[in-house]
Amino acid sequence: MSSTTSYRLSGIALIIGSVLSIVYNICQAFLNGNDLASITSPLSMFSFVMGFIGSVFVLLGLPGVYARQAGRAGILGLLGFLFLWYVTLYQGVIIPFTSVTIISQITAHIVPQSVAVPMATTPPPAWMPFFLVSLVGQVLGILLLAIATLRARVFPRWTAWLLIATLVVGVVSFVPFFPQALLSLTPIIASVAIAGFGYALLWPERFERSQPAPTSAQAEVRA
């Protein structure tokens, strides 16, 4: 299999995964509360399945993003890729899978109705280190990959700026008066950026030719 074919397959996987992830986040925006009815509703189960499948596709496609700009992105690109791959695995694959196969069954059939649902759906304490790493990795991964992409000039620059926009919107979302309905905006923007990477991978030579060549001074800095 040629490298161009591999890149295109990665691009297709990223686009499919991003679309399914957007569907997942839109569905989550329509789910109100942590009551049993919401968690075990058909819409909730559908969204978790879409999120799981979408994240699996993203995991398959992300190595193509790293490989495409590895020579120019350097250590920042590698670290950004590793952080984002882990975050996608934990938050996009493990959590939805657990929600569908374990938590929903516990809350629906075993946990008494009088038990608070947030307590029933809280991950075990042993998961906490992995959760904290995913939170840190989410910020660092997005930031490092965005910087590496801007420096490498292989992918369209707007994909990197969209990644940075996710950090800005993510910070703003912590403001007390931030609309609850817009909490899914951050992952949706991130999914659009990932879809942009995938689209660029479909025609790798064309997008690389469209990027301005780095100056000698920039090349020396990266070296």
C-alpha atoms as a PDB file:
ATOM      1  CA  MET A   1       0.000   0.000   0.000  1.00  0.00           C
ATOM      2  CA  SER A   2       1.399   3.381  -1.020  1.00  0.00           C
ATOM      3  CA  SER A   3       1.780   6.243   1.435  1.00  0.00           C
ATOM      4  CA  THR A   4      -0.799   8.281  -0.486  1.00  0.00           C
ATOM      5  CA  THR A   5      -3.360   5.505  -0.102  1.00  0.00           C
ATOM      6  CA  SER A   6      -2.569   5.231   3.607  1.00  0.00           C
ATOM      7  CA  TYR A   7      -3.034   8.969   4.065  1.00  0.00           C
ATOM      8  CA  ARG A   8      -6.341   8.891   2.230  1.00  0.00           C
ATOM      9  CA  LEU A   9      -7.612   5.997   4.331  1.00  0.00           C
ATOM     10  CA  SER A  10      -6.608   7.945   7.438  1.00  0.00           C
ATOM     11  CA  GLY A  11      -8.419  10.992   6.064  1.00  0.00           C
ATOM     12  CA  ILE A  12     -11.599   8.996   5.443  1.00  0.00           C
ATOM     13  CA  ALA A  13     -11.426   7.573   8.957  1.00  0.00           C
ATOM     14  CA  LEU A  14     -11.007  11.048  10.456  1.00  0.00           C
ATOM     15  CA  ILE A  15     -13.923  12.492   8.505  1.00  0.00           C
ATOM     16  CA  ILE A  16     -16.247   9.622   9.422  1.00  0.00           C
ATOM     17  CA  GLY A  17     -15.127   9.732  13.048  1.00  0.00           C
ATOM     18  CA  SER A  18     -15.559  13.496  13.248  1.00  0.00           C
ATOM     19  CA  VAL A  19     -19.076  13.407  11.798  1.00  0.00           C
ATOM     20  CA  LEU A  20     -20.138  10.696  14.247  1.00  0.00           C
ATOM     21  CA  SER A  21     -18.532  12.607  17.121  1.00  0.00           C
ATOM     22  CA  ILE A  22     -20.468  15.726  16.152  1.00  0.00           C
ATOM     23  CA  VAL A  23     -23.684  13.682  16.139  1.00  0.00           C
ATOM     24  CA  TYR A  24     -22.769  12.398  19.607  1.00  0.00           C
ATOM     25  CA  ASN A  25     -22.189  15.873  21.010  1.00  0.00           C
ATOM     26  CA  ILE A  26     -25.360  17.292  19.444  1.00  0.00           C
ATOM     27  CA  CYS A  27     -27.366  14.481  21.012  1.00  0.00           C
ATOM     28  CA  GLN A  28     -25.709  15.139  24.367  1.00  0.00           C
ATOM     29  CA  ALA A  29     -26.843  18.767  24.156  1.00  0.00           C
ATOM     30  CA  PHE A  30     -30.461  17.595  24.098  1.00  0.00           C
ATOM     31  CA  LEU A  31     -30.058  15.356  27.146  1.00  0.00           C
ATOM     32  CA  ASN A  32     -31.014  17.245  30.283  1.00  0.00           C
ATOM     33  CA  GLY A  33     -30.083  16.141  33.772  1.00  0.00           C
ATOM     34  CA  ASN A  34     -28.549  13.008  35.283  1.00  0.00           C
ATOM     35  CA  ASP A  35     -31.783  11.212  36.128  1.00  0.00           C
ATOM     36  CA  LEU A  36     -32.265   7.562  35.301  1.00  0.00           C
ATOM     37  CA  ALA A  37     -34.714   8.286  32.509  1.00  0.00           C
ATOM     38  CA  SER A  38     -32.212  10.520  30.678  1.00  0.00           C
ATOM     39  CA  ILE A  39     -29.236   8.214  31.115  1.00  0.00           C
ATOM     40  CA  THR A  40     -31.085   5.101  29.945  1.00  0.00           C
ATOM     41  CA  SER A  41     -33.144   6.794  27.216  1.00  0.00           C
ATOM     42  CA  PRO A  42     -32.845   5.621  23.581  1.00  0.00           C
ATOM     43  CA  LEU A  43     -31.323   8.994  22.602  1.00  0.00           C
ATOM     44  CA  SER A  44     -28.652   8.621  25.278  1.00  0.00           C
ATOM     45  CA  MET A  45     -27.793   5.077  24.210  1.00  0.00           C
ATOM     46  CA  PHE A  46     -27.732   6.125  20.545  1.00  0.00           C
ATOM     47  CA  SER A  47     -25.403   9.038  21.297  1.00  0.00           C
ATOM     48  CA  PHE A  48     -23.013   6.850  23.282  1.00  0.00           C
ATOM     49  CA  VAL A  49     -22.835   4.311  20.455  1.00  0.00           C
ATOM     50  CA  MET A  50     -22.181   7.079  17.915  1.00  0.00           C
ATOM     51  CA  GLY A  51     -19.504   8.578  20.152  1.00  0.00           C
ATOM     52  CA  PHE A  52     -17.822   5.206  20.618  1.00  0.00           C
ATOM     53  CA  ILE A  53     -17.756   4.338  16.909  1.00  0.00           C
ATOM     54  CA  GLY A  54     -16.683   7.850  15.946  1.00  0.00           C
ATOM     55  CA  SER A  55     -13.791   7.849  18.395  1.00  0.00           C
ATOM     56  CA  VAL A  56     -12.596   4.473  17.122  1.00  0.00           C
ATOM     57  CA  PHE A  57     -12.414   5.932  13.600  1.00  0.00           C
ATOM     58  CA  VAL A  58     -10.537   8.983  14.922  1.00  0.00           C
ATOM     59  CA  LEU A  59      -8.048   6.713  16.686  1.00  0.00           C
ATOM     60  CA  LEU A  60      -7.428   4.907  13.413  1.00  0.00           C
ATOM     61  CA  GLY A  61      -6.936   8.160  11.505  1.00  0.00           C
ATOM     62  CA  LEU A  62      -4.796  10.203  13.902  1.00  0.00           C
ATOM     63  CA  PRO A  63      -1.544   8.332  13.134  1.00  0.00           C
ATOM     64  CA  GLY A  64      -1.872   9.583   9.565  1.00  0.00           C
ATOM     65  CA  VAL A  65      -1.892  13.186  10.807  1.00  0.00           C
ATOM     66  CA  TYR A  66       1.310  12.621  12.729  1.00  0.00           C
ATOM     67  CA  ALA A  67       3.024  10.676   9.946  1.00  0.00           C
ATOM     68  CA  ARG A  68       2.153  13.323   7.352  1.00  0.00           C
ATOM     69  CA  GLN A  69       3.967  16.120   9.174  1.00  0.00           C
ATOM     70  CA  ALA A  70       6.367  14.140  11.387  1.00  0.00           C
ATOM     71  CA  GLY A  71       9.450  15.416   9.611  1.00  0.00           C
ATOM     72  CA  ARG A  72       8.518  19.063  10.173  1.00  0.00           C
ATOM     73  CA  ALA A  73       6.446  18.949  13.367  1.00  0.00           C
ATOM     74  CA  GLY A  74       9.231  17.494  15.482  1.00  0.00           C
ATOM     75  CA  ILE A  75       8.816  16.574  19.137  1.00  0.00           C
ATOM     76  CA  LEU A  76       5.860  18.956  19.566  1.00  0.00           C
ATOM     77  CA  GLY A  77       3.904  17.091  16.910  1.00  0.00           C
ATOM     78  CA  LEU A  78       4.736  13.752  18.496  1.00  0.00           C
ATOM     79  CA  LEU A  79       3.684  14.837  21.988  1.00  0.00           C
ATOM     80  CA  GLY A  80       0.511  16.475  20.682  1.00  0.00           C
ATOM     81  CA  PHE A  81      -0.406  13.306  18.803  1.00  0.00           C
ATOM     82  CA  LEU A  82       0.249  11.044  21.801  1.00  0.00           C
ATOM     83  CA  PHE A  83      -1.795  13.214  24.173  1.00  0.00           C
ATOM     84  CA  LEU A  84      -4.739  13.478  21.778  1.00  0.00           C
ATOM     85  CA  TRP A  85      -4.656   9.760  21.019  1.00  0.00           C
ATOM     86  CA  TYR A  86      -4.837   8.970  24.726  1.00  0.00           C
ATOM     87  CA  VAL A  87      -7.608  11.509  25.356  1.00  0.00           C
ATOM     88  CA  THR A  88      -9.641  10.112  22.458  1.00  0.00           C
ATOM     89  CA  LEU A  89      -9.132   6.579  23.755  1.00  0.00           C
ATOM     90  CA  TYR A  90     -10.158   7.427  27.324  1.00  0.00           C
ATOM     91  CA  GLN A  91     -12.887  10.020  26.843  1.00  0.00           C
ATOM     92  CA  GLY A  92     -14.195   8.898  23.466  1.00  0.00           C
ATOM     93  CA  VAL A  93     -13.924   5.106  23.637  1.00  0.00           C
ATOM     94  CA  ILE A  94     -13.692   3.881  27.225  1.00  0.00           C
ATOM     95  CA  ILE A  95     -16.259   6.243  28.784  1.00  0.00           C
ATOM     96  CA  PRO A  96     -19.006   5.731  26.144  1.00  0.00           C
ATOM     97  CA  PHE A  97     -18.349   1.980  26.150  1.00  0.00           C
ATOM     98  CA  THR A  98     -18.657   1.904  29.932  1.00  0.00           C
ATOM     99  CA  SER A  99     -21.799   4.029  29.809  1.00  0.00           C
ATOM    100  CA  VAL A 100     -23.482   1.630  27.385  1.00  0.00           C
ATOM    101  CA  THR A 101     -22.352  -1.707  28.797  1.00  0.00           C
ATOM    102  CA  ILE A 102     -21.978  -1.141  32.541  1.00  0.00           C
ATOM    103  CA  ILE A 103     -23.302   2.088  34.029  1.00  0.00           C
ATOM    104  CA  SER A 104     -26.654   2.081  32.240  1.00  0.00           C
ATOM    105  CA  GLN A 105     -27.313  -1.487  33.348  1.00  0.00           C
ATOM    106  CA  ILE A 106     -26.376  -0.715  36.942  1.00  0.00           C
ATOM    107  CA  THR A 107     -28.567   2.361  37.141  1.00  0.00           C
ATOM    108  CA  ALA A 108     -31.487   0.670  35.406  1.00  0.00           C
ATOM    109  CA  HIS A 109     -31.557  -2.697  37.174  1.00  0.00           C
ATOM    110  CA  ILE A 110     -29.388  -2.797  40.271  1.00  0.00           C
ATOM    111  CA  VAL A 111     -29.111   0.616  41.860  1.00  0.00           C
ATOM    112  CA  PRO A 112     -32.224   1.517  43.878  1.00  0.00           C
ATOM    113  CA  GLN A 113     -34.210   4.491  42.641  1.00  0.00           C
ATOM    114  CA  SER A 114     -33.437   6.336  45.867  1.00  0.00           C
ATOM    115  CA  VAL A 115     -29.679   6.366  45.190  1.00  0.00           C
ATOM    116  CA  ALA A 116     -28.377   9.558  43.606  1.00  0.00           C
ATOM    117  CA  VAL A 117     -27.620   8.921  39.949  1.00  0.00           C
ATOM    118  CA  PRO A 118     -24.419  11.051  39.889  1.00  0.00           C
ATOM    119  CA  MET A 119     -23.022   8.783  42.617  1.00  0.00           C
ATOM    120  CA  ALA A 120     -23.995   5.685  40.662  1.00  0.00           C
ATOM    121  CA  THR A 121     -22.377   6.958  37.467  1.00  0.00           C
ATOM    122  CA  THR A 122     -19.173   8.242  39.056  1.00  0.00           C
ATOM    123  CA  PRO A 123     -16.172   6.236  37.831  1.00  0.00           C
ATOM    124  CA  PRO A 124     -14.385   4.115  40.440  1.00  0.00           C
ATOM    125  CA  PRO A 125     -11.636   5.869  42.447  1.00  0.00           C
ATOM    126  CA  ALA A 126      -9.031   3.760  40.635  1.00  0.00           C
ATOM    127  CA  TRP A 127      -9.941   5.623  37.434  1.00  0.00           C
ATOM    128  CA  MET A 128      -9.097   9.028  38.848  1.00  0.00           C
ATOM    129  CA  PRO A 129      -5.398   9.092  37.785  1.00  0.00           C
ATOM    130  CA  PHE A 130      -6.377   8.224  34.210  1.00  0.00           C
ATOM    131  CA  PHE A 131      -9.084  10.886  34.272  1.00  0.00           C
ATOM    132  CA  LEU A 132      -6.676  13.566  35.498  1.00  0.00           C
ATOM    133  CA  VAL A 133      -4.126  12.616  32.842  1.00  0.00           C
ATOM    134  CA  SER A 134      -6.832  12.923  30.186  1.00  0.00           C
ATOM    135  CA  LEU A 135      -7.753  16.429  31.391  1.00  0.00           C
ATOM    136  CA  VAL A 136      -4.137  17.589  31.277  1.00  0.00           C
ATOM    137  CA  GLY A 137      -3.509  15.757  28.025  1.00  0.00           C
ATOM    138  CA  GLN A 138      -6.542  17.364  26.436  1.00  0.00           C
ATOM    139  CA  VAL A 139      -5.139  20.856  26.944  1.00  0.00           C
ATOM    140  CA  LEU A 140      -1.523  20.004  26.164  1.00  0.00           C
ATOM    141  CA  GLY A 141      -2.372  17.785  23.219  1.00  0.00           C
ATOM    142  CA  ILE A 142      -4.517  20.395  21.490  1.00  0.00           C
ATOM    143  CA  LEU A 143      -2.027  23.187  22.148  1.00  0.00           C
ATOM    144  CA  LEU A 144       1.075  21.245  21.093  1.00  0.00           C
ATOM    145  CA  LEU A 145      -0.532  19.816  17.959  1.00  0.00           C
ATOM    146  CA  ALA A 146      -1.805  23.261  16.971  1.00  0.00           C
ATOM    147  CA  ILE A 147       1.637  24.837  17.394  1.00  0.00           C
ATOM    148  CA  ALA A 148       3.338  21.976  15.566  1.00  0.00           C
ATOM    149  CA  THR A 149       0.847  22.227  12.699  1.00  0.00           C
ATOM    150  CA  LEU A 150       1.382  25.979  12.335  1.00  0.00           C
ATOM    151  CA  ARG A 151       5.141  25.484  12.273  1.00  0.00           C
ATOM    152  CA  ALA A 152       5.145  22.478   9.931  1.00  0.00           C
ATOM    153  CA  ARG A 153       2.981  24.169   7.257  1.00  0.00           C
ATOM    154  CA  VAL A 154       1.786  20.837   5.919  1.00  0.00           C
ATOM    155  CA  PHE A 155      -1.908  21.087   6.805  1.00  0.00           C
ATOM    156  CA  PRO A 156      -4.132  24.144   6.266  1.00  0.00           C
ATOM    157  CA  ARG A 157      -3.490  26.693   8.985  1.00  0.00           C
ATOM    158  CA  TRP A 158      -7.187  27.043   9.820  1.00  0.00           C
ATOM    159  CA  THR A 159      -7.179  23.519  11.270  1.00  0.00           C
ATOM    160  CA  ALA A 160      -4.595  24.607  13.840  1.00  0.00           C
ATOM    161  CA  TRP A 161      -6.469  27.813  14.644  1.00  0.00           C
ATOM    162  CA  LEU A 162      -9.648  25.816  15.169  1.00  0.00           C
ATOM    163  CA  LEU A 163      -7.787  23.660  17.681  1.00  0.00           C
ATOM    164  CA  ILE A 164      -6.710  26.791  19.519  1.00  0.00           C
ATOM    165  CA  ALA A 165     -10.320  28.026  19.376  1.00  0.00           C
ATOM    166  CA  THR A 166     -11.414  24.903  21.241  1.00  0.00           C
ATOM    167  CA  LEU A 167      -9.139  25.890  24.131  1.00  0.00           C
ATOM    168  CA  VAL A 168     -10.541  29.418  24.194  1.00  0.00           C
ATOM    169  CA  VAL A 169     -14.156  28.235  24.097  1.00  0.00           C
ATOM    170  CA  GLY A 170     -13.335  25.589  26.690  1.00  0.00           C
ATOM    171  CA  VAL A 171     -12.049  28.236  29.110  1.00  0.00           C
ATOM    172  CA  VAL A 172     -15.038  30.506  28.452  1.00  0.00           C
ATOM    173  CA  SER A 173     -17.416  27.595  29.128  1.00  0.00           C
ATOM    174  CA  PHE A 174     -16.377  27.662  32.795  1.00  0.00           C
ATOM    175  CA  VAL A 175     -17.957  31.102  33.195  1.00  0.00           C
ATOM    176  CA  PRO A 176     -21.037  30.698  35.449  1.00  0.00           C
ATOM    177  CA  PHE A 177     -23.445  32.352  33.005  1.00  0.00           C
ATOM    178  CA  PHE A 178     -22.260  30.311  29.989  1.00  0.00           C
ATOM    179  CA  PRO A 179     -25.361  28.752  28.325  1.00  0.00           C
ATOM    180  CA  GLN A 180     -25.792  25.100  29.225  1.00  0.00           C
ATOM    181  CA  ALA A 181     -26.902  24.295  25.678  1.00  0.00           C
ATOM    182  CA  LEU A 182     -23.517  25.437  24.312  1.00  0.00           C
ATOM    183  CA  LEU A 183     -21.361  23.150  26.449  1.00  0.00           C
ATOM    184  CA  SER A 184     -21.059  20.771  23.504  1.00  0.00           C
ATOM    185  CA  LEU A 185     -19.653  23.555  21.323  1.00  0.00           C
ATOM    186  CA  THR A 186     -16.050  22.896  22.365  1.00  0.00           C
ATOM    187  CA  PRO A 187     -15.897  19.231  21.255  1.00  0.00           C
ATOM    188  CA  ILE A 188     -17.850  20.093  18.098  1.00  0.00           C
ATOM    189  CA  ILE A 189     -15.231  22.691  17.103  1.00  0.00           C
ATOM    190  CA  ALA A 190     -12.495  20.157  17.828  1.00  0.00           C
ATOM    191  CA  SER A 191     -14.274  17.598  15.635  1.00  0.00           C
ATOM    192  CA  VAL A 192     -14.472  20.115  12.777  1.00  0.00           C
ATOM    193  CA  ALA A 193     -10.713  20.660  13.091  1.00  0.00           C
ATOM    194  CA  ILE A 194     -10.078  16.908  13.004  1.00  0.00           C
ATOM    195  CA  ALA A 195     -12.317  16.629   9.946  1.00  0.00           C
ATOM    196  CA  GLY A 196     -10.171  19.369   8.367  1.00  0.00           C
ATOM    197  CA  PHE A 197      -7.074  17.255   8.906  1.00  0.00           C
ATOM    198  CA  GLY A 198      -8.885  14.338   7.322  1.00  0.00           C
ATOM    199  CA  TYR A 199      -9.957  16.382   4.317  1.00  0.00           C
ATOM    200  CA  ALA A 200      -6.369  17.539   3.774  1.00  0.00           C
ATOM    201  CA  LEU A 201      -5.148  13.940   3.921  1.00  0.00           C
ATOM    202  CA  LEU A 202      -7.376  13.030   0.997  1.00  0.00           C
ATOM    203  CA  TRP A 203      -5.182  15.185  -1.279  1.00  0.00           C
ATOM    204  CA  PRO A 204      -1.834  15.371   0.585  1.00  0.00           C
ATOM    205  CA  GLU A 205       0.257  16.649  -2.327  1.00  0.00           C
ATOM    206  CA  ARG A 206      -2.130  19.464  -3.242  1.00  0.00           C
ATOM    207  CA  PHE A 207      -2.346  20.879   0.260  1.00  0.00           C
ATOM    208  CA  GLU A 208       1.399  20.661   0.832  1.00  0.00           C
ATOM    209  CA  ARG A 209       2.044  22.548  -2.423  1.00  0.00           C
ATOM    210  CA  SER A 210      -0.375  25.265  -1.320  1.00  0.00           C
ATOM    211  CA  GLN A 211       1.570  25.993   1.877  1.00  0.00           C
ATOM    212  CA  PRO A 212       4.341  28.589   1.722  1.00  0.00           C
ATOM    213  CA  ALA A 213       7.807  27.164   2.058  1.00  0.00           C
ATOM    214  CA  PRO A 214       9.518  27.923   5.386  1.00  0.00           C
ATOM    215  CA  THR A 215      12.256  30.513   5.277  1.00  0.00           C
ATOM    216  CA  SER A 216      15.839  29.592   6.024  1.00  0.00           C
ATOM    217  CA  ALA A 217      15.605  31.332   9.390  1.00  0.00           C
ATOM    218  CA  GLN A 218      12.527  29.269  10.324  1.00  0.00           C
ATOM    219  CA  ALA A 219      14.281  26.098   9.210  1.00  0.00           C
ATOM    220  CA  GLU A 220      17.261  26.919  11.398  1.00  0.00           C
ATOM    221  CA  VAL A 221      15.006  27.552  14.397  1.00  0.00           C
ATOM    222  CA  ARG A 222      13.258  24.205  13.941  1.00  0.00           C
ATOM    223  CA  ALA A 223      16.616  22.481  13.554  1.00  0.00           C
END
